[in-house]
Amino acid sequence: MTDGPLGKIYDLDEAAAYLRVSKSAVARAARRHGIGARFGRDIRFSEDDVRQMWDAQRAHPETSLQNSIPLRGSEKAFESLMKRAREQRAAKLLARGKKRS
């Protein structure tokens, strides 16, 4: 861990130890969410990057309370995309079922 003008900087090993997960889990999450900075084969994380990774991996409860909160613009778009993805997945599964029969 290095402390400099950007604050604390963690390498992959240190970020994994800090989050108490494997190095591969940290690397996978970093790729998936576009977090961290690559220097050759090394990946470095700022404190904010580590916090973003933690927030991205949080378990989000699927309760009716979430559905009762009014959605803002970006949240509405996200919900719309998720609904469309579920519908496409259902259609794909239905089409597969018809092919097999």
N, C-alpha and C. Protein backbone atom coordinates (compact mmCIF):
# COMPACT_ATOMS: atom_id res chain seq x y z
N MET A 1 0.86 -1.17 0.00
CA MET A 1 0.00 0.00 0.00
C MET A 1 0.90 1.22 0.00
N THR A 2 0.65 2.13 -0.90
CA THR A 2 1.43 3.35 -1.03
C THR A 2 0.54 4.54 -0.71
N ASP A 3 1.08 5.47 0.05
CA ASP A 3 0.32 6.67 0.39
C ASP A 3 0.98 7.85 -0.31
N GLY A 4 0.29 8.47 -1.27
CA GLY A 4 0.87 9.56 -2.04
C GLY A 4 -0.17 10.63 -2.30
N PRO A 5 0.03 11.44 -3.35
CA PRO A 5 -0.90 12.53 -3.64
C PRO A 5 -2.30 12.03 -3.98
N LEU A 6 -2.42 10.80 -4.44
CA LEU A 6 -3.73 10.24 -4.76
C LEU A 6 -4.36 9.53 -3.57
N GLY A 7 -3.70 9.56 -2.44
CA GLY A 7 -4.19 8.82 -1.27
C GLY A 7 -3.57 7.44 -1.26
N LYS A 8 -4.20 6.52 -0.58
CA LYS A 8 -3.68 5.16 -0.50
C LYS A 8 -3.92 4.43 -1.81
N ILE A 9 -2.89 3.76 -2.30
CA ILE A 9 -2.98 2.97 -3.53
C ILE A 9 -2.70 1.51 -3.16
N TYR A 10 -3.59 0.63 -3.55
CA TYR A 10 -3.47 -0.80 -3.24
C TYR A 10 -3.12 -1.56 -4.50
N ASP A 11 -2.26 -2.57 -4.37
CA ASP A 11 -2.07 -3.48 -5.50
C ASP A 11 -3.10 -4.59 -5.38
N LEU A 12 -3.09 -5.53 -6.30
CA LEU A 12 -4.11 -6.58 -6.33
C LEU A 12 -4.11 -7.40 -5.04
N ASP A 13 -2.92 -7.79 -4.56
CA ASP A 13 -2.83 -8.58 -3.33
C ASP A 13 -3.39 -7.82 -2.14
N GLU A 14 -3.03 -6.56 -2.02
CA GLU A 14 -3.47 -5.76 -0.88
C GLU A 14 -4.98 -5.51 -0.93
N ALA A 15 -5.51 -5.25 -2.12
CA ALA A 15 -6.96 -5.03 -2.24
C ALA A 15 -7.72 -6.31 -1.89
N ALA A 16 -7.21 -7.45 -2.33
CA ALA A 16 -7.86 -8.73 -2.01
C ALA A 16 -7.82 -8.99 -0.51
N ALA A 17 -6.68 -8.72 0.12
CA ALA A 17 -6.57 -8.92 1.57
C ALA A 17 -7.49 -7.96 2.31
N TYR A 18 -7.56 -6.71 1.85
CA TYR A 18 -8.40 -5.71 2.49
C TYR A 18 -9.88 -6.11 2.41
N LEU A 19 -10.30 -6.59 1.23
CA LEU A 19 -11.70 -6.98 1.03
C LEU A 19 -12.00 -8.40 1.52
N ARG A 20 -10.91 -9.14 1.87
CA ARG A 20 -11.02 -10.52 2.34
C ARG A 20 -11.66 -11.44 1.31
N VAL A 21 -11.19 -11.30 0.08
CA VAL A 21 -11.61 -12.17 -1.02
C VAL A 21 -10.36 -12.59 -1.78
N SER A 22 -10.53 -13.47 -2.74
CA SER A 22 -9.38 -13.93 -3.52
C SER A 22 -8.94 -12.86 -4.52
N LYS A 23 -7.69 -12.99 -4.97
CA LYS A 23 -7.17 -12.06 -5.97
C LYS A 23 -7.97 -12.16 -7.26
N SER A 24 -8.36 -13.38 -7.64
CA SER A 24 -9.11 -13.53 -8.88
C SER A 24 -10.49 -12.87 -8.78
N ALA A 25 -11.10 -12.90 -7.59
CA ALA A 25 -12.40 -12.24 -7.41
C ALA A 25 -12.26 -10.74 -7.57
N VAL A 26 -11.18 -10.18 -7.03
CA VAL A 26 -10.95 -8.74 -7.16
C VAL A 26 -10.69 -8.38 -8.62
N ALA A 27 -9.85 -9.15 -9.29
CA ALA A 27 -9.54 -8.88 -10.70
C ALA A 27 -10.79 -8.99 -11.56
N ARG A 28 -11.62 -9.98 -11.30
CA ARG A 28 -12.86 -10.18 -12.06
C ARG A 28 -13.81 -9.00 -11.85
N ALA A 29 -13.97 -8.58 -10.58
CA ALA A 29 -14.85 -7.44 -10.28
C ALA A 29 -14.31 -6.16 -10.91
N ALA A 30 -13.00 -5.99 -10.89
CA ALA A 30 -12.40 -4.79 -11.48
C ALA A 30 -12.68 -4.74 -12.98
N ARG A 31 -12.52 -5.87 -13.66
CA ARG A 31 -12.82 -5.91 -15.10
C ARG A 31 -14.29 -5.67 -15.36
N ARG A 32 -15.14 -6.33 -14.60
CA ARG A 32 -16.58 -6.24 -14.82
C ARG A 32 -17.10 -4.82 -14.63
N HIS A 33 -16.55 -4.11 -13.65
CA HIS A 33 -17.08 -2.79 -13.31
C HIS A 33 -16.17 -1.65 -13.77
N GLY A 34 -15.09 -1.97 -14.48
CA GLY A 34 -14.20 -0.93 -14.99
C GLY A 34 -13.52 -0.15 -13.88
N ILE A 35 -13.08 -0.85 -12.85
CA ILE A 35 -12.48 -0.21 -11.68
C ILE A 35 -10.99 -0.51 -11.67
N GLY A 36 -10.20 0.44 -11.23
CA GLY A 36 -8.76 0.23 -11.09
C GLY A 36 -8.00 0.79 -12.27
N ALA A 37 -6.67 0.77 -12.14
CA ALA A 37 -5.79 1.26 -13.20
C ALA A 37 -4.78 0.17 -13.52
N ARG A 38 -4.61 -0.11 -14.80
CA ARG A 38 -3.67 -1.15 -15.23
C ARG A 38 -2.32 -0.53 -15.57
N PHE A 39 -1.28 -1.18 -15.11
CA PHE A 39 0.09 -0.82 -15.43
C PHE A 39 0.76 -2.11 -15.86
N GLY A 40 0.78 -2.36 -17.17
CA GLY A 40 1.28 -3.65 -17.65
C GLY A 40 0.34 -4.75 -17.18
N ARG A 41 0.89 -5.71 -16.45
CA ARG A 41 0.06 -6.79 -15.91
C ARG A 41 -0.47 -6.49 -14.52
N ASP A 42 0.01 -5.41 -13.92
CA ASP A 42 -0.40 -5.05 -12.57
C ASP A 42 -1.67 -4.21 -12.60
N ILE A 43 -2.47 -4.37 -11.56
CA ILE A 43 -3.66 -3.54 -11.39
C ILE A 43 -3.51 -2.82 -10.06
N ARG A 44 -3.76 -1.53 -10.05
CA ARG A 44 -3.67 -0.72 -8.83
C ARG A 44 -5.05 -0.12 -8.55
N PHE A 45 -5.35 0.03 -7.27
CA PHE A 45 -6.65 0.53 -6.85
C PHE A 45 -6.48 1.66 -5.86
N SER A 46 -7.23 2.74 -6.06
CA SER A 46 -7.28 3.81 -5.06
C SER A 46 -8.27 3.39 -3.98
N GLU A 47 -8.33 4.15 -2.90
CA GLU A 47 -9.30 3.86 -1.85
C GLU A 47 -10.72 3.92 -2.40
N ASP A 48 -10.97 4.89 -3.28
CA ASP A 48 -12.31 5.00 -3.89
C ASP A 48 -12.62 3.78 -4.76
N ASP A 49 -11.62 3.28 -5.48
CA ASP A 49 -11.81 2.08 -6.30
C ASP A 49 -12.21 0.89 -5.43
N VAL A 50 -11.52 0.73 -4.31
CA VAL A 50 -11.81 -0.38 -3.40
C VAL A 50 -13.22 -0.22 -2.84
N ARG A 51 -13.59 1.00 -2.50
CA ARG A 51 -14.94 1.26 -1.97
C ARG A 51 -15.99 0.97 -3.04
N GLN A 52 -15.73 1.38 -4.29
CA GLN A 52 -16.66 1.11 -5.39
C GLN A 52 -16.83 -0.39 -5.60
N MET A 53 -15.72 -1.11 -5.51
CA MET A 53 -15.78 -2.56 -5.68
C MET A 53 -16.62 -3.19 -4.58
N TRP A 54 -16.42 -2.69 -3.36
CA TRP A 54 -17.20 -3.20 -2.23
C TRP A 54 -18.69 -2.93 -2.45
N ASP A 55 -19.02 -1.71 -2.86
CA ASP A 55 -20.42 -1.37 -3.10
C ASP A 55 -21.02 -2.17 -4.25
N ALA A 56 -20.22 -2.42 -5.28
CA ALA A 56 -20.71 -3.17 -6.44
C ALA A 56 -21.01 -4.62 -6.08
N GLN A 57 -20.31 -5.16 -5.10
CA GLN A 57 -20.49 -6.56 -4.73
C GLN A 57 -21.50 -6.75 -3.60
N ARG A 58 -22.07 -5.68 -3.10
CA ARG A 58 -23.03 -5.80 -1.99
C ARG A 58 -24.25 -6.60 -2.44
N ALA A 59 -24.78 -7.36 -1.51
CA ALA A 59 -26.01 -8.11 -1.78
C ALA A 59 -27.17 -7.13 -1.69
N HIS A 60 -27.94 -7.05 -2.75
CA HIS A 60 -29.09 -6.16 -2.79
C HIS A 60 -30.35 -6.97 -2.56
N PRO A 61 -31.07 -6.69 -1.49
CA PRO A 61 -32.28 -7.46 -1.21
C PRO A 61 -33.35 -7.20 -2.28
N GLU A 62 -34.04 -8.24 -2.62
CA GLU A 62 -35.12 -8.10 -3.60
C GLU A 62 -36.44 -8.13 -2.84
N THR A 63 -36.76 -7.01 -2.24
CA THR A 63 -37.97 -6.92 -1.43
C THR A 63 -38.93 -5.95 -2.08
N SER A 64 -40.17 -5.99 -1.62
CA SER A 64 -41.18 -5.09 -2.16
C SER A 64 -40.91 -3.66 -1.74
N LEU A 65 -40.12 -3.44 -0.68
CA LEU A 65 -39.77 -2.10 -0.25
C LEU A 65 -39.02 -1.37 -1.36
N GLN A 66 -38.13 -2.06 -2.05
CA GLN A 66 -37.39 -1.45 -3.14
C GLN A 66 -38.34 -0.97 -4.24
N ASN A 67 -39.39 -1.72 -4.48
CA ASN A 67 -40.32 -1.37 -5.55
C ASN A 67 -41.26 -0.22 -5.17
N SER A 68 -41.35 0.09 -3.86
CA SER A 68 -42.26 1.16 -3.45
C SER A 68 -41.60 2.53 -3.48
N ILE A 69 -40.30 2.59 -3.69
CA ILE A 69 -39.58 3.86 -3.74
C ILE A 69 -39.68 4.42 -5.16
N PRO A 70 -40.08 5.71 -5.32
CA PRO A 70 -40.17 6.27 -6.67
C PRO A 70 -38.80 6.27 -7.34
N LEU A 71 -38.77 5.92 -8.61
CA LEU A 71 -37.52 5.81 -9.35
C LEU A 71 -37.17 7.12 -10.03
N ARG A 72 -35.86 7.44 -10.04
CA ARG A 72 -35.37 8.60 -10.78
C ARG A 72 -35.12 8.15 -12.22
N GLY A 73 -34.71 9.07 -13.07
CA GLY A 73 -34.53 8.82 -14.50
C GLY A 73 -33.63 7.63 -14.82
N SER A 74 -32.41 7.60 -14.28
CA SER A 74 -31.48 6.52 -14.60
C SER A 74 -31.97 5.20 -14.01
N GLU A 75 -32.62 5.26 -12.85
CA GLU A 75 -33.15 4.04 -12.25
C GLU A 75 -34.31 3.49 -13.08
N LYS A 76 -35.13 4.39 -13.65
CA LYS A 76 -36.22 3.96 -14.51
C LYS A 76 -35.66 3.27 -15.75
N ALA A 77 -34.61 3.85 -16.31
CA ALA A 77 -33.99 3.25 -17.50
C ALA A 77 -33.43 1.88 -17.17
N PHE A 78 -32.78 1.76 -16.01
CA PHE A 78 -32.22 0.48 -15.60
C PHE A 78 -33.33 -0.56 -15.42
N GLU A 79 -34.39 -0.18 -14.75
CA GLU A 79 -35.51 -1.11 -14.54
C GLU A 79 -36.12 -1.52 -15.87
N SER A 80 -36.23 -0.57 -16.80
CA SER A 80 -36.76 -0.87 -18.12
C SER A 80 -35.88 -1.88 -18.85
N LEU A 81 -34.57 -1.68 -18.77
CA LEU A 81 -33.64 -2.62 -19.41
C LEU A 81 -33.69 -4.00 -18.76
N MET A 82 -33.81 -4.03 -17.44
CA MET A 82 -33.89 -5.31 -16.74
C MET A 82 -35.18 -6.05 -17.13
N LYS A 83 -36.28 -5.32 -17.24
CA LYS A 83 -37.55 -5.93 -17.64
C LYS A 83 -37.42 -6.50 -19.05
N ARG A 84 -36.82 -5.73 -19.94
CA ARG A 84 -36.63 -6.19 -21.32
C ARG A 84 -35.74 -7.43 -21.37
N ALA A 85 -34.69 -7.45 -20.57
CA ALA A 85 -33.79 -8.60 -20.54
C ALA A 85 -34.52 -9.85 -20.04
N ARG A 86 -35.36 -9.69 -19.01
CA ARG A 86 -36.14 -10.83 -18.50
C ARG A 86 -37.10 -11.35 -19.56
N GLU A 87 -37.74 -10.42 -20.27
CA GLU A 87 -38.68 -10.82 -21.32
C GLU A 87 -37.96 -11.55 -22.45
N GLN A 88 -36.79 -11.03 -22.85
CA GLN A 88 -36.02 -11.69 -23.91
C GLN A 88 -35.55 -13.07 -23.47
N ARG A 89 -35.14 -13.19 -22.23
CA ARG A 89 -34.69 -14.48 -21.70
C ARG A 89 -35.86 -15.47 -21.69
N ALA A 90 -37.03 -15.03 -21.27
CA ALA A 90 -38.20 -15.90 -21.25
C ALA A 90 -38.56 -16.34 -22.67
N ALA A 91 -38.49 -15.42 -23.63
CA ALA A 91 -38.79 -15.76 -25.02
C ALA A 91 -37.77 -16.76 -25.56
N LYS A 92 -36.51 -16.58 -25.21
CA LYS A 92 -35.46 -17.49 -25.67
C LYS A 92 -35.68 -18.90 -25.09
N LEU A 93 -36.02 -18.97 -23.82
CA LEU A 93 -36.28 -20.27 -23.20
C LEU A 93 -37.50 -20.94 -23.80
N LEU A 94 -38.52 -20.15 -24.10
CA LEU A 94 -39.72 -20.68 -24.74
C LEU A 94 -39.41 -21.22 -26.13
N ALA A 95 -38.58 -20.49 -26.88
CA ALA A 95 -38.21 -20.93 -28.24
C ALA A 95 -37.40 -22.22 -28.17
N ARG A 96 -36.53 -22.33 -27.19
CA ARG A 96 -35.75 -23.56 -27.03
C ARG A 96 -36.65 -24.75 -26.72
N GLY A 97 -37.65 -24.50 -25.88
CA GLY A 97 -38.60 -25.56 -25.53
C GLY A 97 -39.38 -26.03 -26.74
N LYS A 98 -39.75 -25.13 -27.64
CA LYS A 98 -40.51 -25.47 -28.84
C LYS A 98 -39.64 -26.26 -29.81
N LYS A 99 -38.34 -25.93 -29.90
CA LYS A 99 -37.44 -26.64 -30.80
C LYS A 99 -37.27 -28.09 -30.38
N ARG A 100 -37.25 -28.34 -29.09
CA ARG A 100 -37.02 -29.69 -28.58
C ARG A 100 -38.23 -30.58 -28.72
N SER A 101 -39.42 -30.00 -28.81
CA SER A 101 -40.63 -30.85 -28.89
C SER A 101 -41.01 -31.19 -30.29
